[in-house]
Protein backbone atom coordinates (compact mmCIF):
# COMPACT_ATOMS: atom_id res chain seq x y z
CA MET A 1 31.75 -33.22 -29.66
CA ALA A 2 29.01 -32.29 -27.18
CA TRP A 3 26.33 -33.39 -29.63
CA GLY A 4 28.28 -36.59 -30.19
CA ILE A 5 28.30 -37.23 -26.43
CA ALA A 6 24.51 -37.02 -26.30
CA SER A 7 24.08 -39.50 -29.12
CA THR A 8 26.77 -41.78 -27.74
CA THR A 9 25.18 -41.99 -24.32
CA LYS A 10 21.85 -42.75 -25.92
CA ARG A 11 23.41 -45.62 -27.85
CA ARG A 12 25.01 -46.90 -24.68
CA ALA A 13 21.66 -46.92 -22.94
CA ASN A 14 20.21 -48.96 -25.80
CA ARG A 15 23.12 -51.36 -25.70
CA LEU A 16 23.00 -52.10 -21.97
CA PRO A 17 20.36 -54.85 -22.14
CA PHE A 18 22.13 -56.41 -25.10
CA THR A 19 25.27 -56.74 -22.98
CA TYR A 20 23.56 -59.19 -20.67
CA ILE A 21 21.98 -61.03 -23.64
CA ARG A 22 25.42 -61.34 -25.19
CA GLN A 23 26.91 -62.70 -21.98
CA TRP A 24 24.06 -65.28 -21.77
CA LEU A 25 24.65 -66.33 -25.39
CA VAL A 26 28.37 -66.71 -24.76
CA GLN A 27 27.66 -68.89 -21.74
CA ALA A 28 25.15 -70.96 -23.71
CA LEU A 29 27.68 -71.51 -26.55
CA PHE A 30 30.30 -72.52 -24.02
CA ILE A 31 27.85 -75.05 -22.53
CA VAL A 32 27.12 -76.46 -26.00
CA PHE A 33 30.84 -76.82 -26.70
CA ALA A 34 31.44 -78.49 -23.36
CA VAL A 35 28.56 -80.95 -23.81
CA LEU A 36 29.56 -81.87 -27.37
CA LEU A 37 33.10 -82.44 -26.20
CA SER A 38 31.74 -84.66 -23.41
CA ILE A 39 29.66 -86.65 -25.90
CA PHE A 40 32.72 -87.41 -28.00
CA ALA A 41 34.66 -88.30 -24.86
CA VAL A 42 31.95 -90.66 -23.64
CA SER A 43 31.65 -92.30 -27.05
CA TRP A 44 35.38 -92.88 -27.16
CA VAL A 45 35.42 -94.25 -23.61
CA LEU A 46 32.50 -96.60 -24.33
CA GLU A 47 33.91 -97.83 -27.63
CA LYS A 48 37.54 -98.15 -26.49
CA SER A 49 37.93 -98.63 -22.79
CA LEU A 50 34.61 -100.05 -21.62
CA ILE A 51 34.21 -102.48 -24.53
CA ARG A 52 37.73 -103.79 -23.95
CA GLU A 53 37.10 -104.24 -20.26
CA ALA A 54 33.75 -105.89 -20.92
CA LEU A 55 35.17 -108.35 -23.42
CA GLU A 56 38.10 -109.21 -21.18
CA LEU A 57 35.72 -109.90 -18.30
CA GLU A 58 33.55 -112.08 -20.52
CA ALA A 59 36.60 -113.98 -21.71
CA ASP A 60 37.85 -114.53 -18.11
CA ALA A 61 34.43 -115.76 -17.03
CA PHE A 62 34.15 -118.19 -19.94
CA VAL A 63 37.71 -119.50 -19.53
CA GLU A 64 37.11 -120.14 -15.83
CA ALA A 65 33.77 -121.90 -16.48
CA TYR A 66 35.12 -123.91 -19.45
CA THR A 67 38.10 -125.07 -17.44
CA GLN A 68 35.77 -126.54 -14.82
CA ASP A 69 33.19 -127.83 -17.31
CA PRO A 70 34.28 -128.48 -20.93
CA GLU A 71 30.63 -128.65 -21.88
CA PHE A 72 30.00 -125.06 -20.83
CA PRO A 73 28.26 -123.29 -23.73
CA LEU A 74 29.75 -120.43 -25.70
CA PRO A 75 28.13 -117.03 -25.19
CA ARG A 76 25.52 -116.34 -27.86
CA THR A 77 23.33 -113.33 -26.98
CA ARG A 78 22.11 -110.19 -28.64
CA ASN A 79 25.28 -108.39 -27.62
CA LEU A 80 27.90 -111.13 -27.64
CA VAL A 81 28.68 -114.09 -29.95
CA GLY A 82 31.53 -116.53 -29.20
CA TYR A 83 33.55 -119.12 -31.19
CA LEU A 84 36.05 -121.64 -29.80
CA ALA A 85 38.77 -123.48 -31.73
CA GLU A 86 41.13 -126.20 -30.43
CA GLN A 87 44.71 -126.36 -31.55
CA GLY A 88 45.20 -129.17 -34.03
CA GLU A 89 41.49 -129.40 -34.71
CA GLY A 90 39.65 -128.08 -37.74
CA VAL A 91 38.54 -124.49 -37.90
CA ALA A 92 35.83 -124.88 -40.49
CA HIS A 93 33.21 -123.69 -37.98
CA ILE A 94 35.15 -120.44 -37.45
CA PRO A 95 34.24 -117.60 -39.86
CA PRO A 96 37.13 -116.93 -42.25
CA ASP A 97 37.28 -113.31 -41.18
CA LEU A 98 38.18 -114.41 -37.63
CA GLN A 99 40.76 -117.07 -38.48
CA VAL A 100 43.42 -114.55 -39.46
CA LEU A 101 43.16 -112.48 -36.27
CA PRO A 102 45.93 -112.69 -33.65
CA PRO A 103 45.18 -112.57 -29.90
CA GLY A 104 44.02 -109.21 -28.52
CA LEU A 105 41.31 -106.66 -29.13
CA HIS A 106 40.42 -105.66 -32.68
CA ASN A 107 38.15 -102.61 -32.67
CA ALA A 108 36.81 -102.76 -36.24
CA VAL A 109 36.76 -106.12 -37.99
CA ALA A 110 35.05 -106.36 -41.42
CA PHE A 111 32.80 -109.37 -41.98
CA THR A 112 31.78 -110.71 -45.35
CA GLY A 113 28.18 -109.73 -46.11
CA ARG A 114 27.94 -107.09 -43.40
CA GLU A 115 28.43 -103.37 -43.82
CA GLU A 116 29.30 -102.43 -40.23
CA ARG A 117 32.59 -103.31 -38.61
CA LEU A 118 32.54 -105.03 -35.21
CA PRO A 119 34.94 -105.26 -32.29
CA VAL A 120 36.47 -108.73 -31.75
CA PHE A 121 38.42 -110.03 -28.80
CA VAL A 122 40.75 -113.06 -29.24
CA ARG A 123 42.16 -115.05 -26.27
CA ASP A 124 44.41 -118.14 -26.24
CA PHE A 125 44.16 -120.51 -23.26
CA SER A 126 45.08 -124.18 -22.62
CA GLY A 127 45.38 -125.08 -26.30
CA HIS A 128 42.22 -123.26 -27.28
CA ARG A 129 41.50 -119.96 -28.99
CA LEU A 130 38.43 -118.01 -28.00
CA TYR A 131 36.76 -115.43 -30.29
CA LEU A 132 34.24 -112.99 -28.84
CA ILE A 133 32.30 -110.66 -31.16
CA PHE A 134 30.56 -107.58 -29.79
CA GLU A 135 27.60 -106.60 -31.98
CA GLY A 136 28.04 -103.05 -33.35
CA ALA A 137 24.33 -102.17 -33.49
CA ASN A 138 24.10 -102.84 -29.78
CA ILE A 139 27.20 -100.71 -29.18
CA ASP A 140 25.48 -97.72 -30.81
CA ARG A 141 22.38 -98.37 -28.73
CA LEU A 142 24.46 -98.53 -25.51
CA VAL A 143 26.26 -95.35 -26.43
CA GLY A 144 22.91 -93.69 -26.97
CA ILE A 145 21.39 -95.04 -23.74
CA TYR A 146 24.38 -94.53 -21.44
CA GLY A 147 26.07 -91.59 -23.20
CA LEU A 148 24.00 -89.45 -25.48
CA LEU A 149 20.71 -89.60 -23.62
CA PRO A 150 22.16 -88.53 -20.21
CA LEU A 151 24.15 -85.80 -21.88
CA ALA A 152 21.10 -84.58 -23.77
CA VAL A 153 19.25 -84.34 -20.49
CA LEU A 154 22.24 -82.52 -19.03
CA LEU A 155 22.29 -80.12 -21.97
CA ILE A 156 18.61 -79.29 -21.52
CA ALA A 157 19.11 -78.81 -17.80
CA LEU A 158 22.08 -76.49 -18.36
CA TYR A 159 20.21 -74.46 -20.98
CA LEU A 160 17.24 -74.15 -18.67
CA SER A 161 19.49 -73.10 -15.78
CA ALA A 162 21.19 -70.48 -17.92
CA TRP A 163 17.87 -69.12 -19.14
CA LEU A 164 16.48 -68.93 -15.61
CA ALA A 165 19.66 -67.24 -14.41
CA TYR A 166 19.34 -64.70 -17.19
CA ARG A 167 15.71 -64.02 -16.33
CA PHE A 168 16.45 -63.48 -12.65
CA THR A 169 19.46 -61.30 -13.51
CA ALA A 170 17.45 -59.23 -15.98
CA ARG A 171 14.70 -58.78 -13.40
CA ALA A 172 17.22 -57.49 -10.89
CA VAL A 173 19.18 -55.32 -13.35
CA SER A 174 16.41 -53.91 -15.58
CA PRO A 175 15.27 -51.31 -12.95
CA ILE A 176 18.83 -49.98 -12.81
CA LEU A 177 18.82 -49.85 -16.59
CA ARG A 178 15.58 -47.92 -16.61
CA ILE A 179 17.03 -45.42 -14.15
CA ALA A 180 20.17 -45.04 -16.28
CA ARG A 181 18.11 -44.54 -19.43
CA ASN A 182 15.98 -41.90 -17.76
CA LEU A 183 19.09 -40.08 -16.58
CA ARG A 184 20.66 -40.03 -20.04
CA GLU A 185 17.45 -39.05 -21.89
CA SER A 186 16.35 -36.36 -19.45
CA ALA A 187 16.47 -32.81 -20.86
CA LEU A 188 18.81 -30.41 -19.13
CA GLU A 189 16.04 -27.86 -18.65
CA SER A 190 13.43 -30.39 -17.43
CA ALA A 191 11.90 -30.00 -13.98
CA GLY A 192 12.69 -33.51 -12.84
CA LEU A 193 13.92 -36.92 -13.91
CA ASP A 194 10.48 -38.62 -13.72
CA LEU A 195 11.95 -41.90 -12.44
CA PRO A 196 9.50 -44.83 -12.41
CA HIS A 197 9.09 -45.24 -8.60
CA GLU A 198 5.95 -47.36 -8.89
CA GLN A 199 7.86 -49.95 -10.92
CA LEU A 200 10.82 -50.09 -8.52
CA THR A 201 11.35 -52.01 -5.30
CA GLY A 202 14.08 -52.46 -2.73
CA ASP A 203 17.50 -51.08 -3.49
CA ALA A 204 16.45 -49.74 -6.92
CA ARG A 205 13.71 -47.59 -5.32
CA GLU A 206 16.16 -46.23 -2.76
CA LEU A 207 18.64 -45.47 -5.54
CA ALA A 208 16.00 -43.59 -7.55
CA ALA A 209 15.00 -41.53 -4.51
CA ALA A 210 18.61 -40.66 -3.76
CA ILE A 211 19.24 -39.61 -7.35
CA GLU A 212 16.17 -37.39 -7.44
CA ASP A 213 17.17 -35.75 -4.15
CA TYR A 214 20.66 -35.15 -5.47
CA THR A 215 19.19 -33.75 -8.71
CA ARG A 216 17.03 -31.26 -6.85
CA ARG A 217 20.03 -30.00 -4.91
CA HIS A 218 22.10 -29.90 -8.08
CA ASP A 219 19.37 -27.93 -9.94
CA ALA A 220 19.17 -25.46 -7.08
CA LEU A 221 22.95 -24.96 -7.19
CA ILE A 222 22.89 -24.42 -10.99
CA ALA A 223 20.03 -21.97 -10.67
CA ARG A 224 22.00 -19.94 -8.13
CA GLU A 225 25.09 -19.97 -10.33
CA ARG A 226 23.16 -18.86 -13.40
CA GLN A 227 21.52 -16.06 -11.43
CA PHE A 228 24.93 -15.06 -10.11
CA SER A 229 26.38 -15.08 -13.66
CA ALA A 230 23.53 -12.94 -14.95
CA ASP A 231 23.94 -10.45 -12.08
CA VAL A 232 27.71 -10.22 -12.48
CA SER A 233 27.30 -9.77 -16.23
CA HIS A 234 24.91 -6.86 -15.73
CA GLU A 235 26.94 -5.27 -12.94
CA LEU A 236 30.21 -5.54 -14.91
CA ARG A 237 28.99 -4.63 -18.37
CA THR A 238 27.31 -1.41 -17.19
CA PRO A 239 30.41 0.25 -15.76
CA MET A 240 32.60 -1.09 -18.61
CA THR A 241 30.22 0.50 -21.13
CA ILE A 242 30.42 3.79 -19.26
CA ILE A 243 34.21 3.65 -19.11
CA ASP A 244 34.50 2.80 -22.81
CA GLY A 245 32.10 5.64 -23.71
CA ALA A 246 34.05 8.12 -21.63
CA ALA A 247 37.27 6.98 -23.27
CA GLN A 248 35.78 7.58 -26.70
CA PHE A 249 34.81 11.12 -25.77
CA LEU A 250 38.25 11.68 -24.27
CA ALA A 251 39.92 10.43 -27.44
CA ALA A 252 37.93 13.01 -29.47
CA GLU A 253 39.15 15.93 -27.32
CA ASP A 254 41.38 18.44 -29.04
CA GLY A 255 44.87 18.93 -27.68
CA LEU A 256 45.19 15.44 -26.19
CA SER A 257 48.86 14.56 -25.92
CA ASP A 258 50.39 11.47 -27.53
CA LYS A 259 50.87 9.88 -24.14
CA GLY A 260 47.26 10.63 -23.29
CA SER A 261 46.13 9.07 -26.57
CA GLN A 262 48.08 5.94 -25.74
CA ARG A 263 46.44 5.76 -22.32
CA VAL A 264 42.97 6.19 -23.87
CA HIS A 265 43.83 3.50 -26.37
CA MET A 266 44.86 1.14 -23.53
CA ILE A 267 41.59 1.90 -21.63
CA ARG A 268 39.44 1.07 -24.65
CA ARG A 269 41.36 -2.11 -25.31
CA ALA A 270 41.04 -3.18 -21.69
CA CYS A 271 37.28 -2.48 -21.83
CA ARG A 272 36.96 -4.60 -24.95
CA ASP A 273 38.99 -7.43 -23.37
CA VAL A 274 36.85 -7.44 -20.20
CA ASN A 275 33.61 -7.47 -22.21
CA GLU A 276 34.84 -10.35 -24.34
CA LEU A 277 35.98 -12.22 -21.22
CA ILE A 278 32.53 -11.75 -19.62
CA SER A 279 30.90 -13.10 -22.79
CA ALA A 280 33.19 -16.12 -22.75
CA PHE A 281 32.47 -16.86 -19.11
CA LEU A 282 28.70 -16.58 -19.68
CA PHE A 283 28.91 -18.87 -22.71
CA LEU A 284 30.86 -21.50 -20.78
CA SER A 285 28.53 -21.27 -17.78
CA ARG A 286 25.42 -22.11 -19.84
CA GLU A 287 25.23 -25.90 -19.98
CA THR A 288 22.56 -25.76 -22.73
CA ALA A 289 25.12 -24.10 -25.00
CA SER A 290 26.62 -27.52 -25.64
CA VAL A 291 23.40 -28.98 -27.02
CA GLU A 292 21.87 -25.99 -28.77
CA LYS A 293 20.50 -26.39 -32.29
CA ARG A 294 23.16 -26.79 -34.94
CA GLU A 295 23.50 -23.87 -37.36
CA ARG A 296 25.89 -23.40 -40.21
CA ALA A 297 28.44 -20.71 -39.52
CA ASN A 298 30.50 -19.13 -42.27
CA VAL A 299 34.07 -18.85 -40.96
CA ALA A 300 34.90 -16.03 -43.34
CA ASP A 301 32.10 -13.89 -41.89
CA VAL A 302 33.30 -14.54 -38.36
CA ILE A 303 36.86 -13.59 -39.31
CA GLN A 304 35.70 -10.39 -40.97
CA GLY A 305 33.57 -9.47 -37.99
CA GLU A 306 36.38 -9.92 -35.48
CA VAL A 307 38.82 -8.01 -37.65
CA GLU A 308 36.36 -5.08 -37.83
CA LYS A 309 35.99 -5.12 -34.03
CA LEU A 310 39.72 -5.03 -33.40
CA THR A 311 40.90 -2.73 -36.18
CA PRO A 312 40.05 0.51 -34.25
CA LEU A 313 42.23 -0.69 -31.42
CA LEU A 314 45.36 -1.08 -33.60
CA ASP A 315 47.93 1.55 -34.27
CA ALA A 316 47.07 1.94 -37.94
CA SER A 317 50.43 3.43 -38.76
CA ALA A 318 52.37 0.44 -37.48
CA VAL A 319 50.16 -2.67 -37.52
CA SER A 320 47.51 -3.95 -39.96
CA PHE A 321 45.35 -7.02 -40.49
CA GLN A 322 45.76 -9.05 -43.68
CA VAL A 323 42.90 -11.53 -44.40
CA ASP A 324 43.40 -14.33 -46.96
CA ILE A 325 40.30 -16.50 -47.58
CA GLN A 326 41.62 -19.40 -49.66
CA ALA A 327 38.51 -21.60 -49.58
CA ALA A 328 34.97 -21.56 -48.23
CA PHE A 329 34.74 -22.98 -44.73
CA TYR A 330 31.44 -23.77 -42.96
CA THR A 331 31.16 -25.24 -39.50
CA GLU A 332 28.48 -26.36 -37.05
CA THR A 333 30.32 -24.80 -34.11
CA PRO A 334 28.06 -22.11 -32.54
CA LYS A 335 28.93 -18.75 -33.95
CA LYS A 336 29.39 -17.24 -30.50
CA ALA A 337 31.89 -19.94 -29.57
CA LEU A 338 33.84 -19.38 -32.80
CA GLU A 339 33.86 -15.63 -32.16
CA ILE A 340 35.28 -16.17 -28.67
CA ILE A 341 37.97 -18.54 -29.97
CA LEU A 342 39.05 -16.35 -32.88
CA GLY A 343 38.66 -13.08 -30.96
CA ASN A 344 41.01 -14.28 -28.17
CA VAL A 345 43.63 -15.39 -30.70
CA LEU A 346 43.44 -12.12 -32.64
CA ARG A 347 43.51 -9.93 -29.52
CA ASN A 348 46.63 -11.78 -28.32
CA ALA A 349 48.27 -11.20 -31.70
CA ALA A 350 47.31 -7.50 -31.67
CA LYS A 351 48.40 -7.03 -28.04
CA TYR A 352 51.93 -8.38 -28.63
CA THR A 353 52.56 -6.97 -32.14
CA ALA A 354 54.10 -3.52 -32.03
CA GLU A 355 54.70 -3.29 -35.77
CA GLY A 356 54.21 -5.33 -38.90
CA GLU A 357 51.10 -7.29 -39.77
CA ILE A 358 48.69 -9.88 -38.47
CA ARG A 359 47.86 -12.33 -41.21
CA ILE A 360 44.72 -14.55 -41.09
CA ILE A 361 44.61 -17.44 -43.59
CA SER A 362 41.44 -19.53 -43.88
CA SER A 363 41.35 -22.80 -45.82
CA SER A 364 38.58 -25.39 -46.16
CA ASP A 365 39.21 -26.87 -42.67
CA SER A 366 41.61 -24.61 -40.80
CA ILE A 367 42.34 -21.05 -39.68
CA MET A 368 45.93 -19.85 -39.37
CA VAL A 369 46.85 -16.60 -37.54
CA GLU A 370 50.45 -15.31 -37.93
CA ASP A 371 51.88 -12.16 -36.33
CA THR A 372 55.22 -10.38 -36.37
CA GLY A 373 55.35 -9.66 -32.64
CA ILE A 374 57.44 -11.17 -29.92
CA GLY A 375 57.69 -14.94 -29.61
CA ILE A 376 56.94 -17.30 -26.76
CA PRO A 377 59.72 -18.89 -24.67
CA GLU A 378 60.04 -22.55 -25.72
CA THR A 379 59.86 -23.67 -22.10
CA LEU A 380 56.32 -22.23 -21.82
CA LEU A 381 54.85 -23.81 -24.97
CA PRO A 382 53.92 -27.14 -23.30
CA SER A 383 51.97 -25.37 -20.53
CA LEU A 384 50.62 -22.51 -22.62
CA PHE A 385 46.92 -23.56 -22.26
CA GLU A 386 46.99 -23.77 -18.45
CA ARG A 387 45.24 -21.06 -16.46
CA HIS A 388 47.31 -18.01 -15.49
CA VAL A 389 50.22 -18.94 -17.78
CA ARG A 390 51.23 -15.85 -19.77
CA GLY A 391 53.32 -16.97 -22.70
CA ARG A 392 54.60 -13.61 -23.91
CA GLY A 393 55.67 -12.00 -20.62
CA LEU A 394 54.21 -9.48 -18.22
CA GLN A 395 54.54 -6.26 -20.21
CA GLN A 396 50.82 -6.29 -21.14
CA ALA A 397 47.80 -6.39 -18.87
CA GLY A 398 45.98 -9.65 -18.45
CA GLU A 399 45.50 -12.69 -16.23
CA GLY A 400 46.59 -15.43 -18.61
CA ILE A 401 43.25 -17.22 -18.91
CA GLY A 402 42.36 -16.32 -22.51
CA LEU A 403 44.09 -19.31 -24.14
CA ALA A 404 42.73 -21.62 -21.40
CA ILE A 405 39.21 -20.58 -22.47
CA VAL A 406 40.12 -21.06 -26.11
CA LYS A 407 41.47 -24.56 -25.44
CA ARG A 408 38.33 -25.55 -23.50
CA LEU A 409 36.05 -24.38 -26.33
CA CYS A 410 38.23 -26.13 -28.93
CA ASP A 411 37.99 -29.40 -27.02
CA GLN A 412 34.24 -28.96 -26.66
CA PHE A 413 33.57 -28.42 -30.35
CA ASP A 414 36.11 -30.76 -32.00
CA TRP A 415 38.79 -28.24 -32.84
CA THR A 416 42.51 -28.60 -32.38
CA ILE A 417 44.79 -25.66 -31.63
CA ASP A 418 48.51 -25.52 -32.18
CA VAL A 419 50.78 -22.61 -31.15
CA GLN A 420 54.33 -22.39 -32.44
CA ASN A 421 56.97 -19.72 -32.84
CA ARG A 422 57.65 -18.62 -36.39
CA ASP A 423 61.13 -19.03 -37.83
CA VAL A 424 61.55 -15.31 -38.43
CA ALA A 425 59.57 -13.47 -35.73
CA GLY A 426 56.22 -13.77 -34.07
CA VAL A 427 53.80 -16.61 -33.40
CA ARG A 428 51.74 -18.92 -35.59
CA VAL A 429 48.40 -20.23 -34.22
CA THR A 430 46.63 -22.97 -36.24
CA LEU A 431 43.03 -23.86 -35.57
CA ARG A 432 41.74 -26.97 -37.30
CA GLN A 433 38.37 -28.71 -37.12
CA SER A 434 38.13 -32.48 -37.51
CA SER A 435 35.11 -32.23 -39.85
CA SER A 436 33.72 -29.20 -41.66
CA LEU A 437 30.47 -28.82 -43.55
CA PRO A 438 30.33 -28.88 -47.35
CA THR A 439 30.21 -25.51 -49.00
CA GLU A 440 26.96 -24.22 -50.37
């Protein structure tokens, strides 16, 4: 998972500029949709509402002028052609296509010999019938002049405004993106972030300076913690090695009572637990452990190694390990991390199993550890991986942080861990990795 985090953050850094491009494209598409919708609306208004109003006004003006002067000429221009018929008089001079039309506006009248349909307005007044024809070609030209052309100019202006806004936004945001990219791509062991101060101004320059100052203080803190971890490791391992060696010599003494042998056995087990705990703490404290080079680890070899370490600490007459390798299992989890995980699980099983067996079953993607010891109270199972929670009671030494370490490492390297009581006796621990490597 840690390696996945590094690649994911790199992809995010590469996607950041595209986010703003995508927003600009969405805005541009919205503008196009709005302008096209406006064009259709203007066309409809011009062809329906404005043409009706214009023809009605022309008809009112002609009727008023004709009433005052019967010799007033009919309109005959490039945009408007009129015909007038008197009731009871002949209509031979009226085109046949108009004679059948009732009063009112007719938006699309077909004329013999012409392909386009034209709007016609018919008005009856004082025994006369007035026909006004609005030329369709001129309608299209008016729509273009008063509708499409202004909207085209508006479209260009909006596009230009959106592009300029994007450019100014990118100019303001790109320094922040460069800082973010440098942060994500900086190596953990590098001396500094190498932020581009000479390319930054204003707030971005102040942000870069603040980040570098914070990084220097953070690096100093990490250096102190690593030095402390190394010192503690040395100071603790040395006396533990001496204690374990003395316990081995004591165990070899003749005439040691059974109770004395048990105490020696407890001392050696406690030494082994402390040493393993120190190794786990050191592994977790090294940040570079999460991004170290991937290496194939054979799970069967790790199981065998941990069993060999713990076998001398068992009461051979009462408890034994049983290993069942059902399929080859390779993983990219660091070997040391897998040893800490499996070692903690096996030590817990050995610690709480007085008699019977500890069975380790390895499949192609999981490891199962079953023991015949005491179970775990059901009320403690939900909080089993919290620090200082001891699931199997207080009769054995320990601080209850082993499973918390195991859970942290499992989360870090894409493993799941499940702990359940067995139906008969003991506990079953199942470790499963989301993706294992193919066998060789």
